[in-house]
């Protein structure tokens, strides 16, 4: 049986190589072995997001934010996942937090403002 670390390493290598669907398999297994590891859940969220599996990605990014509420990247990705699901009102909060944590990030501000407009 592979360790969570080995699964995480293999999954992130696949993710970096652009083999997104394949990356989700070892990363999901690593998550199941180590559900509190934010690095594993963030990598799995990235693979799911890039595979356009936004509902599942939102679940993973929510778990990261729950354990690391100042993780601006996870907040941003959670907000983007929600936006792409058409849930603009829910996306506003994580996108605003991400933007406040990293005010220099124009992409964070762009999507925050977009969520505000579409939620109104």
C-alpha atoms as a PDB file:
ATOM      1  CA  UNK A   1       0.000   0.000   0.000  1.00  0.00           C
ATOM      2  CA  UNK A   2       1.323   3.430  -0.954  1.00  0.00           C
ATOM      3  CA  UNK A   3       1.775   6.067   1.713  1.00  0.00           C
ATOM      4  CA  UNK A   4      -0.110   9.342   1.605  1.00  0.00           C
ATOM      5  CA  UNK A   5       3.185  11.065   0.817  1.00  0.00           C
ATOM      6  CA  UNK A   6       3.878   8.783  -2.158  1.00  0.00           C
ATOM      7  CA  UNK A   7       0.350   9.283  -3.462  1.00  0.00           C
ATOM      8  CA  UNK A   8       0.635  13.055  -3.002  1.00  0.00           C
ATOM      9  CA  UNK A   9       3.990  13.122  -4.802  1.00  0.00           C
ATOM     10  CA  UNK A  10       2.683  11.058  -7.710  1.00  0.00           C
ATOM     11  CA  UNK A  11      -0.508  13.123  -7.914  1.00  0.00           C
ATOM     12  CA  UNK A  12       1.275  16.477  -7.901  1.00  0.00           C
ATOM     13  CA  UNK A  13       3.684  15.248 -10.565  1.00  0.00           C
ATOM     14  CA  UNK A  14       0.718  14.283 -12.762  1.00  0.00           C
ATOM     15  CA  UNK A  15      -0.911  17.640 -12.037  1.00  0.00           C
ATOM     16  CA  UNK A  16       2.247  19.513 -13.015  1.00  0.00           C
ATOM     17  CA  UNK A  17       2.458  17.448 -16.204  1.00  0.00           C
ATOM     18  CA  UNK A  18      -1.104  18.453 -17.072  1.00  0.00           C
ATOM     19  CA  UNK A  19      -2.578  14.967 -16.655  1.00  0.00           C
ATOM     20  CA  UNK A  20      -5.431  16.355 -14.593  1.00  0.00           C
ATOM     21  CA  UNK A  21      -7.845  13.447 -14.523  1.00  0.00           C
ATOM     22  CA  UNK A  22      -5.109  10.972 -13.658  1.00  0.00           C
ATOM     23  CA  UNK A  23      -3.855  13.297 -10.899  1.00  0.00           C
ATOM     24  CA  UNK A  24      -7.180  13.184  -9.101  1.00  0.00           C
ATOM     25  CA  UNK A  25      -6.882   9.439  -8.437  1.00  0.00           C
ATOM     26  CA  UNK A  26      -3.754   9.373  -6.242  1.00  0.00           C
ATOM     27  CA  UNK A  27      -4.594  12.752  -4.718  1.00  0.00           C
ATOM     28  CA  UNK A  28      -8.053  11.542  -3.674  1.00  0.00           C
ATOM     29  CA  UNK A  29      -6.486   8.432  -2.156  1.00  0.00           C
ATOM     30  CA  UNK A  30      -3.966  10.602  -0.287  1.00  0.00           C
ATOM     31  CA  UNK A  31      -6.833  12.782   0.961  1.00  0.00           C
ATOM     32  CA  UNK A  32      -8.669   9.725   2.212  1.00  0.00           C
ATOM     33  CA  UNK A  33      -5.566   8.667   4.158  1.00  0.00           C
ATOM     34  CA  UNK A  34      -4.790  12.190   5.457  1.00  0.00           C
ATOM     35  CA  UNK A  35      -8.001  14.251   5.384  1.00  0.00           C
ATOM     36  CA  UNK A  36      -6.514  17.036   7.532  1.00  0.00           C
ATOM     37  CA  UNK A  37      -3.541  17.721   5.218  1.00  0.00           C
ATOM     38  CA  UNK A  38      -4.289  21.010   3.526  1.00  0.00           C
ATOM     39  CA  UNK A  39      -1.497  20.535   0.982  1.00  0.00           C
ATOM     40  CA  UNK A  40      -3.136  17.344  -0.265  1.00  0.00           C
ATOM     41  CA  UNK A  41      -6.600  18.863  -0.386  1.00  0.00           C
ATOM     42  CA  UNK A  42      -5.348  21.998  -2.165  1.00  0.00           C
ATOM     43  CA  UNK A  43      -3.575  19.915  -4.825  1.00  0.00           C
ATOM     44  CA  UNK A  44      -6.680  17.783  -5.288  1.00  0.00           C
ATOM     45  CA  UNK A  45      -8.789  20.937  -5.527  1.00  0.00           C
ATOM     46  CA  UNK A  46      -6.480  22.299  -8.210  1.00  0.00           C
ATOM     47  CA  UNK A  47      -6.726  19.082 -10.240  1.00  0.00           C
ATOM     48  CA  UNK A  48     -10.510  19.024  -9.908  1.00  0.00           C
ATOM     49  CA  UNK A  49     -10.831  22.713 -10.777  1.00  0.00           C
ATOM     50  CA  UNK A  50      -8.672  22.380 -13.859  1.00  0.00           C
ATOM     51  CA  UNK A  51     -10.750  19.309 -14.837  1.00  0.00           C
ATOM     52  CA  UNK A  52     -13.858  21.537 -14.619  1.00  0.00           C
ATOM     53  CA  UNK A  53     -15.225  19.522 -11.703  1.00  0.00           C
ATOM     54  CA  UNK A  54     -16.146  22.676  -9.819  1.00  0.00           C
ATOM     55  CA  UNK A  55     -18.502  21.209  -7.219  1.00  0.00           C
ATOM     56  CA  UNK A  56     -15.847  18.756  -6.050  1.00  0.00           C
ATOM     57  CA  UNK A  57     -13.170  21.449  -6.215  1.00  0.00           C
ATOM     58  CA  UNK A  58     -15.275  23.723  -4.015  1.00  0.00           C
ATOM     59  CA  UNK A  59     -15.537  20.938  -1.434  1.00  0.00           C
ATOM     60  CA  UNK A  60     -11.768  20.526  -1.323  1.00  0.00           C
ATOM     61  CA  UNK A  61     -11.046  24.254  -1.157  1.00  0.00           C
ATOM     62  CA  UNK A  62     -13.678  24.645   1.575  1.00  0.00           C
ATOM     63  CA  UNK A  63     -11.854  22.022   3.621  1.00  0.00           C
ATOM     64  CA  UNK A  64      -8.579  23.908   3.166  1.00  0.00           C
ATOM     65  CA  UNK A  65     -10.163  27.224   4.178  1.00  0.00           C
ATOM     66  CA  UNK A  66     -11.722  25.605   7.231  1.00  0.00           C
ATOM     67  CA  UNK A  67      -8.261  24.573   8.457  1.00  0.00           C
ATOM     68  CA  UNK A  68      -6.332  27.560   7.086  1.00  0.00           C
ATOM     69  CA  UNK A  69      -8.699  30.562   6.942  1.00  0.00           C
ATOM     70  CA  UNK A  70      -5.968  32.939   5.746  1.00  0.00           C
ATOM     71  CA  UNK A  71      -4.939  30.820   2.750  1.00  0.00           C
ATOM     72  CA  UNK A  72      -5.624  33.399   0.068  1.00  0.00           C
ATOM     73  CA  UNK A  73      -5.157  30.945  -2.801  1.00  0.00           C
ATOM     74  CA  UNK A  74      -7.686  28.475  -1.369  1.00  0.00           C
ATOM     75  CA  UNK A  75     -10.145  31.304  -0.735  1.00  0.00           C
ATOM     76  CA  UNK A  76      -9.709  32.532  -4.282  1.00  0.00           C
ATOM     77  CA  UNK A  77     -10.144  29.068  -5.773  1.00  0.00           C
ATOM     78  CA  UNK A  78     -13.191  28.409  -3.608  1.00  0.00           C
ATOM     79  CA  UNK A  79     -14.726  31.651  -4.835  1.00  0.00           C
ATOM     80  CA  UNK A  80     -13.911  30.888  -8.458  1.00  0.00           C
ATOM     81  CA  UNK A  81     -15.360  27.389  -8.154  1.00  0.00           C
ATOM     82  CA  UNK A  82     -18.576  28.834  -6.765  1.00  0.00           C
ATOM     83  CA  UNK A  83     -18.689  31.455  -9.519  1.00  0.00           C
ATOM     84  CA  UNK A  84     -18.307  28.826 -12.205  1.00  0.00           C
ATOM     85  CA  UNK A  85     -21.191  26.932 -10.628  1.00  0.00           C
ATOM     86  CA  UNK A  86     -23.297  30.096 -10.968  1.00  0.00           C
ATOM     87  CA  UNK A  87     -23.317  30.661  -7.194  1.00  0.00           C
ATOM     88  CA  UNK A  88     -22.135  34.267  -7.350  1.00  0.00           C
ATOM     89  CA  UNK A  89     -23.637  35.365  -4.045  1.00  0.00           C
ATOM     90  CA  UNK A  90     -21.769  32.589  -2.197  1.00  0.00           C
ATOM     91  CA  UNK A  91     -18.581  33.416  -4.104  1.00  0.00           C
ATOM     92  CA  UNK A  92     -18.518  37.003  -2.866  1.00  0.00           C
ATOM     93  CA  UNK A  93     -17.242  36.270   0.650  1.00  0.00           C
ATOM     94  CA  UNK A  94     -14.215  34.067  -0.147  1.00  0.00           C
ATOM     95  CA  UNK A  95     -13.238  36.311  -3.058  1.00  0.00           C
ATOM     96  CA  UNK A  96     -13.457  39.413  -0.871  1.00  0.00           C
ATOM     97  CA  UNK A  97     -11.324  37.762   1.798  1.00  0.00           C
ATOM     98  CA  UNK A  98      -8.719  36.660  -0.743  1.00  0.00           C
ATOM     99  CA  UNK A  99      -8.624  40.165  -2.197  1.00  0.00           C
ATOM    100  CA  UNK A 100      -8.229  41.723   1.251  1.00  0.00           C
ATOM    101  CA  UNK A 101      -5.434  39.331   2.162  1.00  0.00           C
ATOM    102  CA  UNK A 102      -3.561  40.041  -1.074  1.00  0.00           C
ATOM    103  CA  UNK A 103      -4.593  43.519  -2.273  1.00  0.00           C
ATOM    104  CA  UNK A 104      -1.790  43.561  -4.849  1.00  0.00           C
ATOM    105  CA  UNK A 105      -3.448  40.711  -6.783  1.00  0.00           C
ATOM    106  CA  UNK A 106      -5.448  42.315  -9.577  1.00  0.00           C
ATOM    107  CA  UNK A 107      -6.947  38.944 -10.561  1.00  0.00           C
ATOM    108  CA  UNK A 108      -8.408  38.569  -7.072  1.00  0.00           C
ATOM    109  CA  UNK A 109      -9.969  42.027  -7.327  1.00  0.00           C
ATOM    110  CA  UNK A 110     -11.302  41.339 -10.835  1.00  0.00           C
ATOM    111  CA  UNK A 111     -13.217  38.223  -9.809  1.00  0.00           C
ATOM    112  CA  UNK A 112     -14.336  39.778  -6.506  1.00  0.00           C
ATOM    113  CA  UNK A 113     -15.866  42.674  -8.416  1.00  0.00           C
ATOM    114  CA  UNK A 114     -17.379  40.305 -10.964  1.00  0.00           C
ATOM    115  CA  UNK A 115     -19.055  38.278  -8.188  1.00  0.00           C
ATOM    116  CA  UNK A 116     -20.438  41.459  -6.623  1.00  0.00           C
ATOM    117  CA  UNK A 117     -21.977  42.563  -9.899  1.00  0.00           C
ATOM    118  CA  UNK A 118     -23.468  39.185 -10.774  1.00  0.00           C
ATOM    119  CA  UNK A 119     -24.851  38.618  -7.281  1.00  0.00           C
ATOM    120  CA  UNK A 120     -26.713  41.927  -7.273  1.00  0.00           C
END
